[in-house]
Amino acid sequence: EDGTFSRWEVFNEYGQPVDCPASSSDGLASCLNFTQLFQAHGGDITSAQWSDADTILTTDRDGNASRFDLKSGRAEMLASDDWEAPITIWNPTGTQLLTYEDPEEEPNELKSEVRDFASVETGKDLGFSIVKAIWLEVGLLLETETGELGLYDPQTFEEIANLTASSEGLTAAAISKNGELLAAGFAEGDVYIWNLTDLAASEPMAHYTPQSGVEEWDVKRLDWVSAPTGDGDRLLIVGNKAVVFWDISDDTVLIHDAPDNFADAALSPDSRWLAVADSNNVRILNVANGVVEWSPPAHRDRVQGVAWLWGAEWPHQTDPPTTSERLLLLTWSGDGTARVWDWSRRELIDVLYGDGWINIAAFSPDGQHIFTAADNGALRLWDTWVQHPTELYATACWLITRPLAPAQIVQFGLTERPPLDCSNGSD
């Protein structure tokens, strides 16, 4: 209107498409279906998880909870009601929240409540002070201010089981795949196992104690693994200083790895490979013998986490897959990137540029998306290639202002520069 004319580039300095704030009605994001950016939090994202293939649940340091609907591109937030030092956690299905005061912040009043996400009304107070809460598929695992540990029904708030442990400082918990065993980890590295089929027995059926002489370390995650023969359960214990692979059936430690600057570890879906992140690197260990099979220099800054996925030829798929599904490894780091590695080829296949220090990342349950959560509150969603790159290029022809650069041809998995023909752009 004022006589000026502007030209806008579709791609940023890294060769990646620009931000997509929302999706179109047909589900295709407005910039080639590559990435979406949600900025619903004003501060640090403290937790992020998938509840299903289309929904991401997050909490922030102020106790606010948000739910992101990927189909509609909408973000809903439920505030923490201006509590002094709130901690908020989601239930696994993304329908309810538990909020409680952080005892380490010494608030004036300790309180806790459960709320439905759809309602802003205050929920029921549990009636006691919570030190740590973990919401599991079978109920709420709570450690109280008096050191008691119990499993509670989140609907009635009645105690399902009183659990005995000689440790304090609950940090992690997980339910076995058959729902019969509960594992809980504590601040000094101890892990206890209870049999939930016998709720009258509060004593643990198994107890892991860190090796003598090993510096105390906190348990931060527990992952159940079925034994190859199917006749027992194994537990991957991921701490802040070490990773332990524990066979519960005969109380045997199969792997104990404690490198300097340990960050995270994850076991492959077939239980054959253990990815261990320390400092800027990732090591892939053979679970059978503990031998390091591969150790690429993964990032320019400290690796924050690792995760595995069964995937096809992904993400740069120009032709139908010629091989069966393969193992992919996701790593994320303080250098602001998440990287996808093809384990079978021992190569890096994609780099996802985030919005600062990436704290959390995860594959969606169906393997179609990755989210990355940065320390500035930005949650970014990355789509897999749902179409051939040439088809995507044609779909967004009206957005392209110039032919692709050679580096972008490689970046998007194209074999040659597509013709810049937008004669059908109106379609």
Protein backbone atom coordinates (compact mmCIF):
# COMPACT_ATOMS: atom_id res chain seq x y z
CA GLU A 1 0.00 0.00 0.00
CA ASP A 2 2.90 2.37 0.68
CA GLY A 3 4.66 1.35 -2.54
CA THR A 4 7.22 -0.99 -1.01
CA PHE A 5 7.86 -4.55 -2.20
CA SER A 6 9.39 -7.27 -0.06
CA ARG A 7 10.80 -10.67 -0.94
CA TRP A 8 10.69 -13.39 1.72
CA GLU A 9 12.83 -16.53 1.88
CA VAL A 10 11.14 -19.81 2.71
CA PHE A 11 14.27 -21.29 4.30
CA ASN A 12 16.38 -20.12 7.21
CA GLU A 13 20.16 -19.94 7.46
CA TYR A 14 20.39 -23.68 8.22
CA GLY A 15 18.51 -24.75 5.12
CA GLN A 16 15.46 -25.65 7.22
CA PRO A 17 11.93 -24.37 6.51
CA VAL A 18 10.72 -21.38 8.48
CA ASP A 19 8.40 -21.69 11.47
CA CYS A 20 4.94 -23.17 10.96
CA PRO A 21 2.55 -21.80 13.61
CA ALA A 22 -0.36 -24.00 12.53
CA SER A 23 -1.56 -26.65 10.10
CA SER A 24 -4.01 -26.34 7.24
CA SER A 25 -7.39 -28.04 7.25
CA ASP A 26 -6.05 -31.09 5.41
CA GLY A 27 -3.43 -31.69 8.11
CA LEU A 28 -0.51 -30.48 5.99
CA ALA A 29 1.51 -27.83 7.80
CA SER A 30 1.68 -24.51 6.00
CA CYS A 31 5.38 -24.85 5.15
CA LEU A 32 5.87 -28.25 3.57
CA ASN A 33 4.85 -30.28 6.62
CA PHE A 34 8.30 -30.05 8.14
CA THR A 35 7.98 -28.43 11.54
CA GLN A 36 5.61 -26.59 13.84
CA LEU A 37 6.53 -24.25 16.68
CA PHE A 38 4.43 -23.90 19.84
CA GLN A 39 5.34 -21.09 22.25
CA ALA A 40 2.76 -21.52 24.98
CA HIS A 41 5.17 -21.44 27.91
CA GLY A 42 6.90 -18.37 29.26
CA GLY A 43 9.74 -20.29 30.90
CA ASP A 44 11.50 -23.60 31.25
CA ILE A 45 9.61 -26.73 30.22
CA THR A 46 10.16 -29.21 33.05
CA SER A 47 8.42 -32.21 31.51
CA ALA A 48 7.08 -33.22 28.11
CA GLN A 49 5.50 -36.49 27.03
CA TRP A 50 3.26 -38.02 24.37
CA SER A 51 -0.16 -39.18 25.56
CA ASP A 52 -1.03 -40.46 22.08
CA ALA A 53 0.17 -39.93 18.52
CA ASP A 54 -1.59 -36.54 18.26
CA THR A 55 -1.17 -35.02 21.73
CA ILE A 56 1.82 -33.68 23.67
CA LEU A 57 1.57 -32.89 27.40
CA THR A 58 3.95 -30.45 29.11
CA THR A 59 4.54 -28.70 32.42
CA ASP A 60 6.72 -25.69 33.21
CA ARG A 61 8.67 -24.41 36.19
CA ASP A 62 5.75 -22.24 37.31
CA GLY A 63 3.47 -25.26 37.67
CA ASN A 64 1.43 -24.53 34.53
CA ALA A 65 0.32 -27.47 32.38
CA SER A 66 -0.29 -27.39 28.63
CA ARG A 67 -1.80 -29.81 26.14
CA PHE A 68 -0.91 -29.51 22.43
CA ASP A 69 -3.31 -30.92 19.84
CA LEU A 70 -1.30 -31.59 16.70
CA LYS A 71 -4.32 -32.02 14.42
CA SER A 72 -5.80 -28.62 15.19
CA GLY A 73 -2.53 -26.87 15.99
CA ARG A 74 -4.08 -25.57 19.23
CA ALA A 75 -2.43 -25.30 22.63
CA GLU A 76 -4.44 -25.24 25.87
CA MET A 77 -2.94 -24.20 29.20
CA LEU A 78 -4.19 -24.70 32.75
CA ALA A 79 -2.54 -22.32 35.20
CA SER A 80 -1.32 -23.33 38.65
CA ASP A 81 -3.52 -20.79 40.49
CA ASP A 82 -0.55 -18.72 41.67
CA TRP A 83 0.72 -21.33 44.10
CA GLU A 84 3.95 -20.35 45.82
CA ALA A 85 6.13 -23.27 44.68
CA PRO A 86 4.03 -25.58 42.51
CA ILE A 87 4.96 -28.90 40.94
CA THR A 88 2.46 -30.26 38.42
CA ILE A 89 2.35 -33.73 36.83
CA TRP A 90 0.05 -35.29 34.24
CA ASN A 91 -1.67 -38.64 34.36
CA PRO A 92 -0.62 -40.95 31.48
CA THR A 93 -3.76 -40.23 29.43
CA GLY A 94 -3.63 -36.43 29.68
CA THR A 95 -6.98 -35.96 31.43
CA GLN A 96 -6.01 -35.12 35.02
CA LEU A 97 -3.33 -33.19 36.88
CA LEU A 98 -1.80 -33.41 40.33
CA THR A 99 -0.35 -30.19 41.72
CA TYR A 100 1.60 -30.02 44.96
CA GLU A 101 3.99 -27.61 46.65
CA ASP A 102 7.72 -28.16 46.25
CA PRO A 103 8.94 -28.90 49.81
CA GLU A 104 12.50 -27.78 48.95
CA GLU A 105 11.24 -24.24 48.31
CA GLU A 106 9.83 -24.05 51.87
CA PRO A 107 6.45 -22.53 50.96
CA ASN A 108 4.30 -21.01 53.67
CA GLU A 109 1.64 -23.68 53.20
CA LEU A 110 2.04 -27.25 51.98
CA LYS A 111 -0.94 -28.40 49.93
CA SER A 112 -1.87 -30.72 47.07
CA GLU A 113 -4.83 -31.33 44.78
CA VAL A 114 -5.99 -33.35 41.78
CA ARG A 115 -7.86 -31.55 38.98
CA ASP A 116 -9.47 -32.46 35.68
CA PHE A 117 -7.77 -30.63 32.83
CA ALA A 118 -11.15 -29.69 31.35
CA SER A 119 -12.14 -27.90 34.56
CA VAL A 120 -10.57 -24.90 36.24
CA GLU A 121 -12.27 -25.71 39.54
CA THR A 122 -10.09 -26.69 42.45
CA GLY A 123 -9.87 -30.44 42.94
CA LYS A 124 -9.81 -32.48 46.11
CA ASP A 125 -7.01 -31.94 48.60
CA LEU A 126 -5.25 -35.22 49.38
CA GLY A 127 -4.98 -34.28 53.04
CA PHE A 128 -1.24 -34.74 53.51
CA SER A 129 2.00 -33.18 52.32
CA ILE A 130 3.70 -34.76 49.29
CA VAL A 131 7.45 -34.85 48.86
CA LYS A 132 7.38 -36.67 45.49
CA ALA A 133 4.61 -37.91 43.21
CA ILE A 134 4.76 -40.16 40.12
CA TRP A 135 1.58 -40.88 38.14
CA LEU A 136 1.63 -44.48 36.87
CA GLU A 137 -0.88 -46.50 34.85
CA VAL A 138 -2.03 -48.23 38.05
CA GLY A 139 -2.29 -45.14 40.25
CA LEU A 140 -0.41 -42.39 42.05
CA LEU A 141 2.85 -43.36 43.74
CA LEU A 142 3.37 -40.87 46.56
CA GLU A 143 6.12 -40.28 49.08
CA THR A 144 4.86 -38.22 52.00
CA GLU A 145 6.64 -35.73 54.22
CA THR A 146 6.86 -38.39 56.94
CA GLY A 147 8.75 -40.77 54.63
CA GLU A 148 5.85 -43.13 53.92
CA LEU A 149 5.48 -44.63 50.44
CA GLY A 150 2.13 -45.67 49.03
CA LEU A 151 0.17 -46.34 45.84
CA TYR A 152 -3.12 -44.38 45.70
CA ASP A 153 -6.28 -44.45 43.60
CA PRO A 154 -6.41 -41.01 41.89
CA GLN A 155 -10.23 -41.10 41.71
CA THR A 156 -11.05 -41.99 45.33
CA PHE A 157 -7.70 -40.96 46.86
CA GLU A 158 -7.72 -44.18 48.87
CA GLU A 159 -4.50 -46.07 49.45
CA ILE A 160 -4.16 -49.15 47.22
CA ALA A 161 -0.95 -50.44 48.78
CA ASN A 162 1.42 -49.37 51.52
CA LEU A 163 4.98 -50.02 50.37
CA THR A 164 8.00 -50.56 52.59
CA ALA A 165 11.45 -49.28 51.62
CA SER A 166 14.50 -48.51 53.70
CA SER A 167 15.40 -45.56 51.44
CA GLU A 168 13.98 -42.06 51.14
CA GLY A 169 13.95 -39.59 48.28
CA LEU A 170 11.79 -41.20 45.57
CA THR A 171 13.05 -40.18 42.11
CA ALA A 172 11.65 -42.64 39.52
CA ALA A 173 9.17 -45.49 39.10
CA ALA A 174 7.85 -47.84 36.40
CA ILE A 175 5.31 -50.65 36.01
CA SER A 176 6.34 -53.89 34.28
CA LYS A 177 4.84 -54.70 30.89
CA ASN A 178 2.39 -57.22 32.40
CA GLY A 179 1.35 -54.73 35.10
CA GLU A 180 2.33 -57.03 37.96
CA LEU A 181 5.60 -55.52 39.18
CA LEU A 182 6.36 -52.01 40.44
CA ALA A 183 9.92 -50.67 40.45
CA ALA A 184 10.88 -47.54 42.38
CA GLY A 185 14.26 -45.78 42.44
CA PHE A 186 15.64 -43.48 45.10
CA ALA A 187 18.12 -40.66 45.56
CA GLU A 188 21.09 -42.81 46.60
CA GLY A 189 20.79 -45.34 43.78
CA ASP A 190 18.68 -48.01 45.49
CA VAL A 191 15.88 -49.69 43.52
CA TYR A 192 13.05 -51.78 45.02
CA ILE A 193 10.63 -54.18 43.31
CA TRP A 194 7.13 -55.00 44.63
CA ASN A 195 4.67 -57.61 43.39
CA LEU A 196 1.32 -55.84 42.90
CA THR A 197 -0.59 -59.12 42.67
CA ASP A 198 -0.09 -59.50 46.43
CA LEU A 199 -1.02 -56.10 47.85
CA ALA A 200 -1.05 -57.44 51.40
CA ALA A 201 2.71 -57.89 51.24
CA SER A 202 4.27 -54.45 51.59
CA GLU A 203 7.84 -55.77 51.67
CA PRO A 204 9.78 -55.61 48.38
CA MET A 205 10.50 -58.84 46.52
CA ALA A 206 13.86 -57.58 45.23
CA HIS A 207 16.32 -54.81 46.07
CA TYR A 208 19.20 -53.40 44.04
CA THR A 209 21.98 -51.62 45.93
CA PRO A 210 24.74 -49.68 44.14
CA GLN A 211 28.08 -51.45 44.04
CA SER A 212 30.35 -50.85 46.99
CA GLY A 213 32.91 -48.15 46.38
CA VAL A 214 30.75 -46.47 43.74
CA GLU A 215 29.87 -42.86 44.43
CA GLU A 216 26.23 -42.39 45.35
CA TRP A 217 24.01 -41.40 42.44
CA ASP A 218 20.34 -40.63 41.88
CA VAL A 219 18.05 -42.87 39.84
CA LYS A 220 16.36 -40.72 37.19
CA ARG A 221 14.60 -43.32 34.99
CA LEU A 222 13.58 -47.00 35.09
CA ASP A 223 12.76 -49.05 31.97
CA TRP A 224 11.38 -52.60 32.09
CA VAL A 225 12.77 -55.07 29.55
CA SER A 226 11.53 -58.60 28.84
CA ALA A 227 14.23 -61.27 28.83
CA PRO A 228 14.90 -62.82 25.38
CA THR A 229 13.56 -66.17 26.60
CA GLY A 230 10.44 -64.53 27.99
CA ASP A 231 10.91 -66.21 31.37
CA GLY A 232 11.95 -63.21 33.42
CA ASP A 233 12.14 -59.46 33.76
CA ARG A 234 15.09 -57.13 33.49
CA LEU A 235 15.36 -53.51 34.50
CA LEU A 236 17.41 -50.72 32.95
CA ILE A 237 18.39 -48.32 35.74
CA VAL A 238 19.43 -44.92 34.39
CA GLY A 239 20.97 -42.62 36.97
CA ASN A 240 22.64 -39.25 36.87
CA LYS A 241 26.11 -40.85 36.97
CA ALA A 242 25.74 -44.41 35.66
CA VAL A 243 23.54 -46.96 33.88
CA VAL A 244 22.86 -50.47 35.18
CA PHE A 245 21.18 -53.39 33.40
CA TRP A 246 19.79 -55.64 36.13
CA ASP A 247 18.39 -59.18 35.74
CA ILE A 248 15.85 -59.42 38.55
CA SER A 249 15.22 -63.17 38.26
CA ASP A 250 18.71 -64.11 39.48
CA ASP A 251 19.79 -60.72 40.90
CA THR A 252 22.59 -60.31 38.35
CA VAL A 253 24.04 -57.06 37.05
CA LEU A 254 24.52 -57.61 33.31
CA ILE A 255 26.01 -54.18 32.57
CA HIS A 256 27.34 -51.41 34.81
CA ASP A 257 28.66 -48.41 32.88
CA ALA A 258 29.74 -45.24 34.68
CA PRO A 259 31.76 -42.99 32.34
CA ASP A 260 32.86 -39.49 33.22
CA ASN A 261 30.20 -36.89 32.41
CA PHE A 262 27.49 -39.55 32.03
CA ALA A 263 24.25 -38.05 30.66
CA ASP A 264 21.72 -40.70 29.59
CA ALA A 265 21.26 -44.24 28.27
CA ALA A 266 18.61 -46.19 26.36
CA LEU A 267 18.17 -49.83 25.38
CA SER A 268 17.17 -50.67 21.80
CA PRO A 269 13.70 -52.22 21.25
CA ASP A 270 15.27 -55.62 20.48
CA SER A 271 17.34 -55.40 23.72
CA ARG A 272 20.57 -56.01 21.80
CA TRP A 273 22.14 -52.55 21.93
CA LEU A 274 22.67 -50.02 24.70
CA ALA A 275 23.22 -46.38 23.74
CA VAL A 276 25.20 -44.46 26.38
CA ALA A 277 25.65 -40.69 26.19
CA ASP A 278 28.56 -39.03 27.96
CA SER A 279 29.86 -35.53 27.34
CA ASN A 280 29.45 -34.77 23.59
CA ASN A 281 29.54 -38.41 22.46
CA VAL A 282 27.36 -41.49 22.19
CA ARG A 283 28.61 -45.07 22.55
CA ILE A 284 26.66 -48.10 21.32
CA LEU A 285 27.38 -51.18 23.45
CA ASN A 286 26.65 -54.79 22.55
CA VAL A 287 24.51 -56.00 25.46
CA ALA A 288 25.75 -59.59 25.05
CA ASN A 289 29.39 -58.77 25.78
CA GLY A 290 29.59 -55.08 26.67
CA VAL A 291 31.83 -54.28 23.68
CA VAL A 292 31.53 -50.79 22.17
CA GLU A 293 30.36 -51.28 18.57
CA TRP A 294 30.21 -47.63 17.50
CA SER A 295 31.08 -44.27 19.02
CA PRO A 296 30.39 -41.25 16.79
CA PRO A 297 31.15 -37.69 17.97
CA ALA A 298 27.48 -36.83 18.24
CA HIS A 299 27.23 -33.14 19.19
CA ARG A 300 29.17 -29.94 19.78
CA ASP A 301 27.85 -29.66 23.35
CA ARG A 302 26.82 -32.04 26.13
CA VAL A 303 24.32 -34.68 25.02
CA GLN A 304 21.12 -34.42 27.06
CA GLY A 305 19.36 -37.63 26.05
CA VAL A 306 19.04 -40.62 23.72
CA ALA A 307 16.09 -42.69 22.44
CA TRP A 308 15.58 -45.58 19.99
CA LEU A 309 12.88 -46.27 17.39
CA TRP A 310 12.07 -48.93 14.81
CA GLY A 311 11.70 -47.01 11.56
CA ALA A 312 11.69 -47.42 7.80
CA GLU A 313 13.79 -45.40 5.34
CA TRP A 314 13.41 -42.08 7.11
CA PRO A 315 13.25 -39.14 6.86
CA HIS A 316 14.73 -38.53 3.37
CA GLN A 317 12.69 -41.13 1.51
CA THR A 318 12.65 -40.59 -2.25
CA ASP A 319 11.45 -44.10 -3.11
CA PRO A 320 9.45 -46.77 -1.31
CA PRO A 321 11.55 -48.57 1.34
CA THR A 322 13.62 -51.39 -0.13
CA THR A 323 14.42 -52.92 3.25
CA SER A 324 12.51 -53.82 6.36
CA GLU A 325 12.30 -51.50 9.33
CA ARG A 326 15.59 -50.55 10.91
CA LEU A 327 16.81 -49.10 14.18
CA LEU A 328 16.99 -45.32 14.43
CA LEU A 329 18.64 -43.44 17.28
CA LEU A 330 17.59 -39.96 18.41
CA THR A 331 20.04 -37.77 20.35
CA TRP A 332 19.59 -34.21 21.61
CA SER A 333 21.99 -31.72 23.08
CA GLY A 334 22.83 -28.33 24.51
CA ASP A 335 24.11 -27.32 21.07
CA GLY A 336 20.49 -26.66 20.05
CA THR A 337 20.10 -29.68 17.77
CA ALA A 338 18.50 -33.10 17.81
CA ARG A 339 20.03 -35.69 15.50
CA VAL A 340 18.67 -38.88 13.95
CA TRP A 341 21.11 -41.73 13.31
CA ASP A 342 20.66 -44.83 11.15
CA TRP A 343 22.21 -47.57 13.30
CA SER A 344 22.32 -50.17 10.51
CA ARG A 345 24.32 -47.83 8.25
CA ARG A 346 26.26 -46.20 11.09
CA GLU A 347 25.49 -42.74 9.76
CA LEU A 348 23.77 -39.47 10.60
CA ILE A 349 20.63 -39.01 8.51
CA ASP A 350 19.07 -35.81 9.83
CA VAL A 351 19.75 -32.75 11.99
CA LEU A 352 16.83 -30.90 13.61
CA TYR A 353 17.65 -27.32 14.57
CA GLY A 354 15.87 -26.28 17.74
CA ASP A 355 15.48 -23.04 19.66
CA GLY A 356 18.37 -23.10 22.12
CA TRP A 357 19.44 -25.71 24.65
CA ILE A 358 17.26 -28.79 24.06
CA ASN A 359 16.28 -30.44 27.35
CA ILE A 360 13.74 -33.03 26.20
CA ALA A 361 12.96 -34.86 22.96
CA ALA A 362 10.93 -37.93 22.04
CA PHE A 363 9.52 -39.95 19.17
CA SER A 364 5.73 -40.11 18.98
CA PRO A 365 4.13 -43.51 19.72
CA ASP A 366 3.51 -44.10 16.00
CA GLY A 367 6.99 -42.90 15.01
CA GLN A 368 5.59 -40.17 12.76
CA HIS A 369 6.78 -37.16 14.76
CA ILE A 370 9.53 -35.92 17.04
CA PHE A 371 9.14 -33.12 19.54
CA THR A 372 11.98 -31.05 20.97
CA ALA A 373 11.57 -28.89 24.08
CA ALA A 374 14.05 -26.04 24.62
CA ASP A 375 15.03 -24.21 27.78
CA ASN A 376 13.34 -21.02 26.55
CA GLY A 377 9.90 -22.66 26.64
CA ALA A 378 9.72 -23.43 22.91
CA LEU A 379 8.19 -26.78 21.95
CA ARG A 380 8.91 -27.72 18.35
CA LEU A 381 7.25 -30.56 16.45
CA TRP A 382 8.97 -32.27 13.52
CA ASP A 383 7.07 -34.30 10.94
CA THR A 384 8.43 -37.31 9.12
CA TRP A 385 8.38 -37.32 5.33
CA VAL A 386 4.81 -38.37 4.57
CA GLN A 387 5.28 -37.76 0.84
CA HIS A 388 8.15 -37.87 -1.65
CA PRO A 389 10.21 -34.64 -1.48
CA THR A 390 9.29 -33.85 -5.10
CA GLU A 391 5.62 -34.01 -4.18
CA LEU A 392 6.19 -31.78 -1.17
CA TYR A 393 8.03 -29.30 -3.37
CA ALA A 394 5.10 -29.20 -5.78
CA THR A 395 2.64 -28.77 -2.90
CA ALA A 396 4.47 -25.67 -1.70
CA CYS A 397 5.32 -24.28 -5.11
CA TRP A 398 3.49 -21.06 -4.36
CA LEU A 399 5.81 -20.51 -1.36
CA ILE A 400 9.05 -20.99 -3.30
CA THR A 401 10.50 -17.69 -4.55
CA ARG A 402 13.64 -19.10 -6.21
CA PRO A 403 15.20 -22.42 -7.27
CA LEU A 404 16.65 -24.52 -4.45
CA ALA A 405 20.34 -24.11 -3.69
CA PRO A 406 22.58 -27.18 -4.19
CA ALA A 407 22.85 -27.70 -0.42
CA GLN A 408 19.06 -27.65 -0.10
CA ILE A 409 18.69 -30.23 -2.86
CA VAL A 410 20.81 -32.56 -0.74
CA GLN A 411 19.07 -31.50 2.46
CA PHE A 412 15.63 -32.42 1.14
CA GLY A 413 16.67 -35.72 -0.44
CA LEU A 414 16.17 -34.60 -4.04
CA THR A 415 18.32 -36.00 -6.83
CA GLU A 416 18.22 -32.85 -8.97
CA ARG A 417 16.89 -29.32 -8.94
CA PRO A 418 13.11 -29.41 -9.56
CA PRO A 419 11.74 -27.03 -12.19
CA LEU A 420 10.28 -23.87 -10.72
CA ASP A 421 6.88 -24.19 -12.36
CA CYS A 422 3.95 -22.86 -10.38
CA SER A 423 1.43 -22.98 -13.20
CA ASN A 424 -0.77 -25.17 -10.99
CA GLY A 425 -0.04 -23.22 -7.85
CA SER A 426 -3.69 -22.37 -7.35
CA ASP A 427 -4.38 -26.07 -6.76
